[in-house]
Amino acid sequence: MLDYSVIIPAYNEALHLPDTLQNLQKAMAEAEAEPWRGEIIVVDNNSTDRTAEIAREAGARVVFEAHNQISRARNCGGRAANSPNLIFLDADTRISPEILRKSLKMLLSGKYYGGGIKIGFTEDTPLLIRLFTKLWNSHAGIRKWVAGCYIFCLKEAFDDIGGFREDIYAAEEIYYAKSMAKWGRKRQLDFGYISSEFIETSPRKINEHATLKLLAIMLLLGTFPFLQKSKRMCKIWYNR
């Protein structure tokens, strides 16, 4: 019987995936001392590089989603999971054993429907990005926000709310968090926020685009949500 599933959506992630899987497997090996048993599911989101091959060589289970969209990739992995607890981890994000343990303790306690964590970066970032990240981290626990790079939740909640919205190409984690919170309130379950740790993710989008341009796109998508339905407007999350 598996206790949890770690789902990694991956589109052309041959560069980042090996380190992410190695880091994850180390964290899982330490967590098994509890003992908790987990699985790794890599969702090959129609990659044209060695993403799927790398995942299989590392021992992960690979499932395929033909439509190149983050929401569909996460949903494909969530539906394929063989456990009652889900952890969504981006292919360029590092998880520590302590983060994994704290996430699983919350999910297995019966008190939480899911949650998130403070975010950080594996490299230095521009001042505006650091300020934005600090603002996010200071409000996420209160607002019940989750960052897409790391989300943990009950599979029951995932199934009942229908997973992530598939009519949008960005900000899907914001809507998912709102739906989870509504689901949790009905069952008197809390939002779990790991405030004592930081999940480390790659700043590659920040490095690839000018800071003001990146923040402007995020502001535009937040101000005019209908633009989130346009893959062209959200292309910074899909170009590899």
C-alpha atoms as a PDB file:
ATOM      1  CA  MET A   1       0.000   0.000   0.000  1.00  0.00           C
ATOM      2  CA  LEU A   2       1.445   3.342  -1.062  1.00  0.00           C
ATOM      3  CA  ASP A   3       1.145   6.345   1.223  1.00  0.00           C
ATOM      4  CA  TYR A   4       1.863   9.099  -1.301  1.00  0.00           C
ATOM      5  CA  SER A   5       2.587   9.909  -4.935  1.00  0.00           C
ATOM      6  CA  VAL A   6       4.950  12.617  -6.163  1.00  0.00           C
ATOM      7  CA  ILE A   7       3.826  13.936  -9.539  1.00  0.00           C
ATOM      8  CA  ILE A   8       6.256  15.789 -11.792  1.00  0.00           C
ATOM      9  CA  PRO A   9       4.851  17.434 -14.949  1.00  0.00           C
ATOM     10  CA  ALA A  10       7.669  17.521 -17.488  1.00  0.00           C
ATOM     11  CA  TYR A  11       7.920  19.064 -20.936  1.00  0.00           C
ATOM     12  CA  ASN A  12      11.446  18.926 -22.399  1.00  0.00           C
ATOM     13  CA  GLU A  13      13.032  18.766 -18.949  1.00  0.00           C
ATOM     14  CA  ALA A  14      16.100  16.665 -19.789  1.00  0.00           C
ATOM     15  CA  LEU A  15      18.376  19.344 -18.357  1.00  0.00           C
ATOM     16  CA  HIS A  16      16.746  19.723 -14.925  1.00  0.00           C
ATOM     17  CA  LEU A  17      15.029  16.378 -14.370  1.00  0.00           C
ATOM     18  CA  PRO A  18      18.075  14.257 -13.388  1.00  0.00           C
ATOM     19  CA  ASP A  19      18.987  16.506 -10.434  1.00  0.00           C
ATOM     20  CA  THR A  20      15.348  16.826  -9.378  1.00  0.00           C
ATOM     21  CA  LEU A  21      14.842  13.054  -9.370  1.00  0.00           C
ATOM     22  CA  GLN A  22      18.099  12.392  -7.533  1.00  0.00           C
ATOM     23  CA  ASN A  23      17.202  14.982  -4.911  1.00  0.00           C
ATOM     24  CA  LEU A  24      13.664  13.618  -4.570  1.00  0.00           C
ATOM     25  CA  GLN A  25      14.777  10.007  -4.246  1.00  0.00           C
ATOM     26  CA  LYS A  26      17.148  10.966  -1.444  1.00  0.00           C
ATOM     27  CA  ALA A  27      14.310  12.710   0.410  1.00  0.00           C
ATOM     28  CA  MET A  28      11.997   9.728  -0.120  1.00  0.00           C
ATOM     29  CA  ALA A  29      14.622   7.282   1.137  1.00  0.00           C
ATOM     30  CA  GLU A  30      14.851   9.199   4.418  1.00  0.00           C
ATOM     31  CA  ALA A  31      11.059   9.471   4.663  1.00  0.00           C
ATOM     32  CA  GLU A  32      10.676   5.693   4.319  1.00  0.00           C
ATOM     33  CA  ALA A  33      12.205   5.377   7.783  1.00  0.00           C
ATOM     34  CA  GLU A  34       8.876   6.608   9.222  1.00  0.00           C
ATOM     35  CA  PRO A  35       7.874   4.244   7.429  1.00  0.00           C
ATOM     36  CA  TRP A  36       6.087   5.829   4.461  1.00  0.00           C
ATOM     37  CA  ARG A  37       6.080   4.358   0.983  1.00  0.00           C
ATOM     38  CA  GLY A  38       5.770   6.557  -2.068  1.00  0.00           C
ATOM     39  CA  GLU A  39       5.952   6.516  -5.836  1.00  0.00           C
ATOM     40  CA  ILE A  40       7.258   8.956  -8.424  1.00  0.00           C
ATOM     41  CA  ILE A  41       5.140   9.713 -11.477  1.00  0.00           C
ATOM     42  CA  VAL A  42       6.691  11.757 -14.264  1.00  0.00           C
ATOM     43  CA  VAL A  43       4.173  13.074 -16.770  1.00  0.00           C
ATOM     44  CA  ASP A  44       5.809  13.306 -20.174  1.00  0.00           C
ATOM     45  CA  ASN A  45       3.915  16.264 -21.624  1.00  0.00           C
ATOM     46  CA  ASN A  46       4.718  15.470 -25.269  1.00  0.00           C
ATOM     47  CA  SER A  47       8.448  16.111 -24.892  1.00  0.00           C
ATOM     48  CA  THR A  48      10.809  16.013 -27.867  1.00  0.00           C
ATOM     49  CA  ASP A  49      13.962  15.398 -25.810  1.00  0.00           C
ATOM     50  CA  ARG A  50      15.022  12.536 -23.476  1.00  0.00           C
ATOM     51  CA  THR A  51      12.657  13.489 -20.648  1.00  0.00           C
ATOM     52  CA  ALA A  52      10.724  10.200 -20.625  1.00  0.00           C
ATOM     53  CA  GLU A  53      13.860   8.081 -21.044  1.00  0.00           C
ATOM     54  CA  ILE A  54      15.630   9.862 -18.180  1.00  0.00           C
ATOM     55  CA  ALA A  55      12.627   9.363 -15.912  1.00  0.00           C
ATOM     56  CA  ARG A  56      12.396   5.636 -16.664  1.00  0.00           C
ATOM     57  CA  GLU A  57      16.131   5.154 -16.161  1.00  0.00           C
ATOM     58  CA  ALA A  58      15.775   6.747 -12.726  1.00  0.00           C
ATOM     59  CA  GLY A  59      13.010   4.311 -11.795  1.00  0.00           C
ATOM     60  CA  ALA A  60      10.049   6.680 -12.078  1.00  0.00           C
ATOM     61  CA  ARG A  61       6.725   5.643 -13.534  1.00  0.00           C
ATOM     62  CA  VAL A  62       6.092   7.558 -16.751  1.00  0.00           C
ATOM     63  CA  VAL A  63       2.657   8.500 -18.051  1.00  0.00           C
ATOM     64  CA  PHE A  64       1.982  10.464 -21.220  1.00  0.00           C
ATOM     65  CA  GLU A  65      -0.134  13.566 -21.832  1.00  0.00           C
ATOM     66  CA  ALA A  66      -0.207  14.646 -25.460  1.00  0.00           C
ATOM     67  CA  HIS A  67      -1.681  18.113 -24.960  1.00  0.00           C
ATOM     68  CA  ASN A  68       1.098  20.501 -23.921  1.00  0.00           C
ATOM     69  CA  GLN A  69      -0.506  22.201 -20.930  1.00  0.00           C
ATOM     70  CA  ILE A  70       0.583  22.289 -17.286  1.00  0.00           C
ATOM     71  CA  SER A  71      -2.941  21.694 -15.940  1.00  0.00           C
ATOM     72  CA  ARG A  72      -3.494  18.634 -18.126  1.00  0.00           C
ATOM     73  CA  ALA A  73      -0.092  17.236 -17.206  1.00  0.00           C
ATOM     74  CA  ARG A  74      -0.779  17.577 -13.480  1.00  0.00           C
ATOM     75  CA  ASN A  75      -4.253  16.089 -13.874  1.00  0.00           C
ATOM     76  CA  CYS A  76      -2.892  13.159 -15.862  1.00  0.00           C
ATOM     77  CA  GLY A  77      -0.441  12.387 -13.067  1.00  0.00           C
ATOM     78  CA  GLY A  78      -3.042  12.874 -10.349  1.00  0.00           C
ATOM     79  CA  ARG A  79      -5.453  10.452 -11.990  1.00  0.00           C
ATOM     80  CA  ALA A  80      -2.681   7.871 -12.408  1.00  0.00           C
ATOM     81  CA  ALA A  81      -1.636   8.027  -8.742  1.00  0.00           C
ATOM     82  CA  ASN A  82      -2.050   4.899  -6.607  1.00  0.00           C
ATOM     83  CA  SER A  83      -2.106   6.554  -3.195  1.00  0.00           C
ATOM     84  CA  PRO A  84      -4.380   8.725  -1.019  1.00  0.00           C
ATOM     85  CA  ASN A  85      -1.940  11.669  -0.884  1.00  0.00           C
ATOM     86  CA  LEU A  86      -0.530  13.725  -3.746  1.00  0.00           C
ATOM     87  CA  ILE A  87       2.503  15.976  -4.006  1.00  0.00           C
ATOM     88  CA  PHE A  88       2.955  18.053  -7.160  1.00  0.00           C
ATOM     89  CA  LEU A  89       6.593  18.963  -7.745  1.00  0.00           C
ATOM     90  CA  ASP A  90       7.997  20.899 -10.700  1.00  0.00           C
ATOM     91  CA  ALA A  91      10.816  19.345 -12.699  1.00  0.00           C
ATOM     92  CA  ASP A  92      13.256  22.105 -11.726  1.00  0.00           C
ATOM     93  CA  THR A  93      12.494  22.143  -7.990  1.00  0.00           C
ATOM     94  CA  ARG A  94      14.427  20.682  -5.063  1.00  0.00           C
ATOM     95  CA  ILE A  95      12.712  19.077  -2.101  1.00  0.00           C
ATOM     96  CA  SER A  96      14.408  18.347   1.225  1.00  0.00           C
ATOM     97  CA  PRO A  97      13.649  15.359   3.465  1.00  0.00           C
ATOM     98  CA  GLU A  98      12.288  17.758   6.099  1.00  0.00           C
ATOM     99  CA  ILE A  99       9.810  19.320   3.648  1.00  0.00           C
ATOM    100  CA  LEU A 100       8.611  15.893   2.562  1.00  0.00           C
ATOM    101  CA  ARG A 101       8.221  14.727   6.170  1.00  0.00           C
ATOM    102  CA  LYS A 102       6.283  17.823   7.213  1.00  0.00           C
ATOM    103  CA  SER A 103       3.985  17.593   4.190  1.00  0.00           C
ATOM    104  CA  LEU A 104       3.201  13.929   4.816  1.00  0.00           C
ATOM    105  CA  LYS A 105       2.655  14.423   8.554  1.00  0.00           C
ATOM    106  CA  MET A 106       0.037  17.066   7.746  1.00  0.00           C
ATOM    107  CA  LEU A 107      -1.719  14.942   5.140  1.00  0.00           C
ATOM    108  CA  LEU A 108      -1.676  11.787   7.260  1.00  0.00           C
ATOM    109  CA  SER A 109      -2.870  13.574  10.411  1.00  0.00           C
ATOM    110  CA  GLY A 110      -6.440  13.819   9.150  1.00  0.00           C
ATOM    111  CA  LYS A 111      -6.502  17.539   9.953  1.00  0.00           C
ATOM    112  CA  TYR A 112      -5.481  19.059   6.607  1.00  0.00           C
ATOM    113  CA  TYR A 113      -6.790  18.907   3.040  1.00  0.00           C
ATOM    114  CA  GLY A 114      -3.486  20.092   1.588  1.00  0.00           C
ATOM    115  CA  GLY A 115      -1.156  23.024   1.570  1.00  0.00           C
ATOM    116  CA  GLY A 116       1.907  24.830   0.321  1.00  0.00           C
ATOM    117  CA  ILE A 117       5.229  26.267   1.364  1.00  0.00           C
ATOM    118  CA  LYS A 118       7.443  29.330   1.166  1.00  0.00           C
ATOM    119  CA  ILE A 119       9.325  29.573  -2.113  1.00  0.00           C
ATOM    120  CA  GLY A 120      12.957  30.413  -2.758  1.00  0.00           C
ATOM    121  CA  PHE A 121      15.364  30.151  -5.674  1.00  0.00           C
ATOM    122  CA  THR A 122      18.465  28.100  -6.328  1.00  0.00           C
ATOM    123  CA  GLU A 123      20.288  31.230  -7.573  1.00  0.00           C
ATOM    124  CA  ASP A 124      20.338  34.947  -6.834  1.00  0.00           C
ATOM    125  CA  THR A 125      17.500  36.930  -8.407  1.00  0.00           C
ATOM    126  CA  PRO A 126      16.957  40.650  -9.177  1.00  0.00           C
ATOM    127  CA  LEU A 127      15.759  42.944  -6.390  1.00  0.00           C
ATOM    128  CA  LEU A 128      12.204  43.276  -7.737  1.00  0.00           C
ATOM    129  CA  ILE A 129      11.829  39.509  -7.861  1.00  0.00           C
ATOM    130  CA  ARG A 130      13.143  39.156  -4.311  1.00  0.00           C
ATOM    131  CA  LEU A 131      10.630  41.757  -3.113  1.00  0.00           C
ATOM    132  CA  PHE A 132       7.786  40.057  -4.980  1.00  0.00           C
ATOM    133  CA  THR A 133       8.777  36.674  -3.537  1.00  0.00           C
ATOM    134  CA  LYS A 134       8.950  38.094  -0.019  1.00  0.00           C
ATOM    135  CA  LEU A 135       5.481  39.587  -0.444  1.00  0.00           C
ATOM    136  CA  TRP A 136       4.147  36.260  -1.714  1.00  0.00           C
ATOM    137  CA  ASN A 137       5.680  34.313   1.176  1.00  0.00           C
ATOM    138  CA  SER A 138       4.302  36.712   3.772  1.00  0.00           C
ATOM    139  CA  HIS A 139       0.743  36.385   2.455  1.00  0.00           C
ATOM    140  CA  ALA A 140       0.544  32.792   1.169  1.00  0.00           C
ATOM    141  CA  GLY A 141      -0.172  31.134   4.507  1.00  0.00           C
ATOM    142  CA  ILE A 142      -2.870  33.656   5.391  1.00  0.00           C
ATOM    143  CA  ARG A 143      -4.473  33.706   1.944  1.00  0.00           C
ATOM    144  CA  LYS A 144      -4.153  29.933   1.500  1.00  0.00           C
ATOM    145  CA  TRP A 145      -2.147  30.337  -1.701  1.00  0.00           C
ATOM    146  CA  VAL A 146       0.019  27.621  -3.199  1.00  0.00           C
ATOM    147  CA  ALA A 147       2.908  28.009  -5.628  1.00  0.00           C
ATOM    148  CA  GLY A 148       2.774  25.658  -8.597  1.00  0.00           C
ATOM    149  CA  CYS A 149       6.276  24.351  -7.980  1.00  0.00           C
ATOM    150  CA  TYR A 150       5.111  22.547  -4.813  1.00  0.00           C
ATOM    151  CA  ILE A 151       1.582  21.577  -3.807  1.00  0.00           C
ATOM    152  CA  PHE A 152       0.482  18.786  -1.475  1.00  0.00           C
ATOM    153  CA  CYS A 153      -3.102  17.585  -1.062  1.00  0.00           C
ATOM    154  CA  LEU A 154      -5.435  14.685  -0.432  1.00  0.00           C
ATOM    155  CA  LYS A 155      -6.248  12.720  -3.576  1.00  0.00           C
ATOM    156  CA  GLU A 156      -9.867  12.744  -2.439  1.00  0.00           C
ATOM    157  CA  ALA A 157      -9.858  16.537  -2.688  1.00  0.00           C
ATOM    158  CA  PHE A 158      -8.136  16.410  -6.081  1.00  0.00           C
ATOM    159  CA  ASP A 159     -10.735  13.956  -7.410  1.00  0.00           C
ATOM    160  CA  ASP A 160     -13.752  15.769  -5.967  1.00  0.00           C
ATOM    161  CA  ILE A 161     -12.847  19.213  -7.344  1.00  0.00           C
ATOM    162  CA  GLY A 162     -11.871  17.776 -10.715  1.00  0.00           C
ATOM    163  CA  GLY A 163      -8.171  18.590 -10.502  1.00  0.00           C
ATOM    164  CA  PHE A 164      -6.692  21.688 -12.117  1.00  0.00           C
ATOM    165  CA  ARG A 165      -8.646  23.818 -14.572  1.00  0.00           C
ATOM    166  CA  GLU A 166      -7.914  22.781 -18.144  1.00  0.00           C
ATOM    167  CA  ASP A 167      -9.305  25.868 -19.844  1.00  0.00           C
ATOM    168  CA  ILE A 168      -6.348  28.054 -18.801  1.00  0.00           C
ATOM    169  CA  TYR A 169      -2.594  28.001 -19.431  1.00  0.00           C
ATOM    170  CA  ALA A 170      -1.385  29.916 -16.365  1.00  0.00           C
ATOM    171  CA  ALA A 171      -2.407  30.624 -12.749  1.00  0.00           C
ATOM    172  CA  GLU A 172      -4.037  27.193 -12.519  1.00  0.00           C
ATOM    173  CA  GLU A 173      -2.610  26.741  -9.016  1.00  0.00           C
ATOM    174  CA  ILE A 174      -4.455  29.848  -7.777  1.00  0.00           C
ATOM    175  CA  TYR A 175      -7.834  28.464  -8.823  1.00  0.00           C
ATOM    176  CA  TYR A 176      -6.873  25.046  -7.526  1.00  0.00           C
ATOM    177  CA  ALA A 177      -6.046  26.491  -4.104  1.00  0.00           C
ATOM    178  CA  LYS A 178      -9.417  28.262  -3.963  1.00  0.00           C
ATOM    179  CA  SER A 179     -11.295  25.086  -4.883  1.00  0.00           C
ATOM    180  CA  MET A 180      -9.352  23.074  -2.306  1.00  0.00           C
ATOM    181  CA  ALA A 181     -10.067  25.635   0.411  1.00  0.00           C
ATOM    182  CA  LYS A 182     -13.795  25.477  -0.318  1.00  0.00           C
ATOM    183  CA  TRP A 183     -13.661  21.671  -0.267  1.00  0.00           C
ATOM    184  CA  GLY A 184     -11.746  21.706   3.017  1.00  0.00           C
ATOM    185  CA  ARG A 185     -14.114  24.131   4.764  1.00  0.00           C
ATOM    186  CA  LYS A 186     -17.055  21.807   4.167  1.00  0.00           C
ATOM    187  CA  ARG A 187     -15.143  19.027   5.913  1.00  0.00           C
ATOM    188  CA  GLN A 188     -13.630  21.216   8.659  1.00  0.00           C
ATOM    189  CA  LEU A 189     -10.117  20.583   7.390  1.00  0.00           C
ATOM    190  CA  ASP A 190      -7.319  23.141   7.550  1.00  0.00           C
ATOM    191  CA  PHE A 191      -4.800  24.547   5.091  1.00  0.00           C
ATOM    192  CA  GLY A 192      -1.294  23.376   5.868  1.00  0.00           C
ATOM    193  CA  TYR A 193       1.430  25.930   5.317  1.00  0.00           C
ATOM    194  CA  ILE A 194       5.087  25.087   5.880  1.00  0.00           C
ATOM    195  CA  SER A 195       6.479  28.420   7.041  1.00  0.00           C
ATOM    196  CA  SER A 196       9.690  27.078   8.552  1.00  0.00           C
ATOM    197  CA  GLU A 197      11.161  25.835   5.262  1.00  0.00           C
ATOM    198  CA  PHE A 198      11.696  27.066   1.704  1.00  0.00           C
ATOM    199  CA  ILE A 199      11.224  25.006  -1.421  1.00  0.00           C
ATOM    200  CA  GLU A 200      13.993  25.845  -3.888  1.00  0.00           C
ATOM    201  CA  THR A 201      13.091  26.222  -7.542  1.00  0.00           C
ATOM    202  CA  SER A 202      15.020  27.301 -10.607  1.00  0.00           C
ATOM    203  CA  PRO A 203      14.837  30.995 -11.623  1.00  0.00           C
ATOM    204  CA  ARG A 204      15.123  30.060 -15.302  1.00  0.00           C
ATOM    205  CA  LYS A 205      12.126  32.121 -16.392  1.00  0.00           C
ATOM    206  CA  ILE A 206      13.568  35.096 -14.561  1.00  0.00           C
ATOM    207  CA  ASN A 207      16.905  34.566 -16.285  1.00  0.00           C
ATOM    208  CA  GLU A 208      15.287  34.199 -19.697  1.00  0.00           C
ATOM    209  CA  HIS A 209      13.154  37.344 -19.537  1.00  0.00           C
ATOM    210  CA  ALA A 210      13.654  40.912 -18.367  1.00  0.00           C
ATOM    211  CA  THR A 211      12.284  41.390 -14.845  1.00  0.00           C
ATOM    212  CA  LEU A 212       9.891  44.190 -15.768  1.00  0.00           C
ATOM    213  CA  LYS A 213       8.581  42.207 -18.734  1.00  0.00           C
ATOM    214  CA  LEU A 214       7.970  39.167 -16.552  1.00  0.00           C
ATOM    215  CA  LEU A 215       6.175  41.155 -13.858  1.00  0.00           C
ATOM    216  CA  ALA A 216       4.162  43.019 -16.507  1.00  0.00           C
ATOM    217  CA  ILE A 217       2.922  39.748 -18.016  1.00  0.00           C
ATOM    218  CA  MET A 218       1.929  38.450 -14.585  1.00  0.00           C
ATOM    219  CA  LEU A 219       0.121  41.703 -13.806  1.00  0.00           C
ATOM    220  CA  LEU A 220      -1.661  41.624 -17.157  1.00  0.00           C
ATOM    221  CA  LEU A 221      -2.818  38.039 -16.679  1.00  0.00           C
ATOM    222  CA  GLY A 222      -3.961  38.824 -13.146  1.00  0.00           C
ATOM    223  CA  THR A 223      -5.866  41.943 -14.210  1.00  0.00           C
ATOM    224  CA  PHE A 224      -7.496  40.320 -17.234  1.00  0.00           C
ATOM    225  CA  PRO A 225      -8.047  36.657 -16.295  1.00  0.00           C
ATOM    226  CA  PHE A 226      -9.588  35.804 -19.678  1.00  0.00           C
ATOM    227  CA  LEU A 227      -6.082  36.134 -21.151  1.00  0.00           C
ATOM    228  CA  GLN A 228      -5.073  33.053 -19.155  1.00  0.00           C
ATOM    229  CA  LYS A 229      -7.013  31.021 -21.706  1.00  0.00           C
ATOM    230  CA  SER A 230      -4.582  32.057 -24.436  1.00  0.00           C
ATOM    231  CA  LYS A 231      -1.509  29.859 -24.723  1.00  0.00           C
ATOM    232  CA  ARG A 232       0.132  32.596 -26.746  1.00  0.00           C
ATOM    233  CA  MET A 233      -0.211  35.054 -23.864  1.00  0.00           C
ATOM    234  CA  CYS A 234       1.206  32.442 -21.474  1.00  0.00           C
ATOM    235  CA  LYS A 235       4.013  31.294 -23.740  1.00  0.00           C
ATOM    236  CA  ILE A 236       6.795  32.143 -21.257  1.00  0.00           C
ATOM    237  CA  TRP A 237       5.714  29.045 -19.282  1.00  0.00           C
ATOM    238  CA  TYR A 238       5.792  26.773 -22.336  1.00  0.00           C
ATOM    239  CA  ASN A 239       8.809  27.776 -24.392  1.00  0.00           C
ATOM    240  CA  ARG A 240      11.791  25.456 -24.012  1.00  0.00           C
END
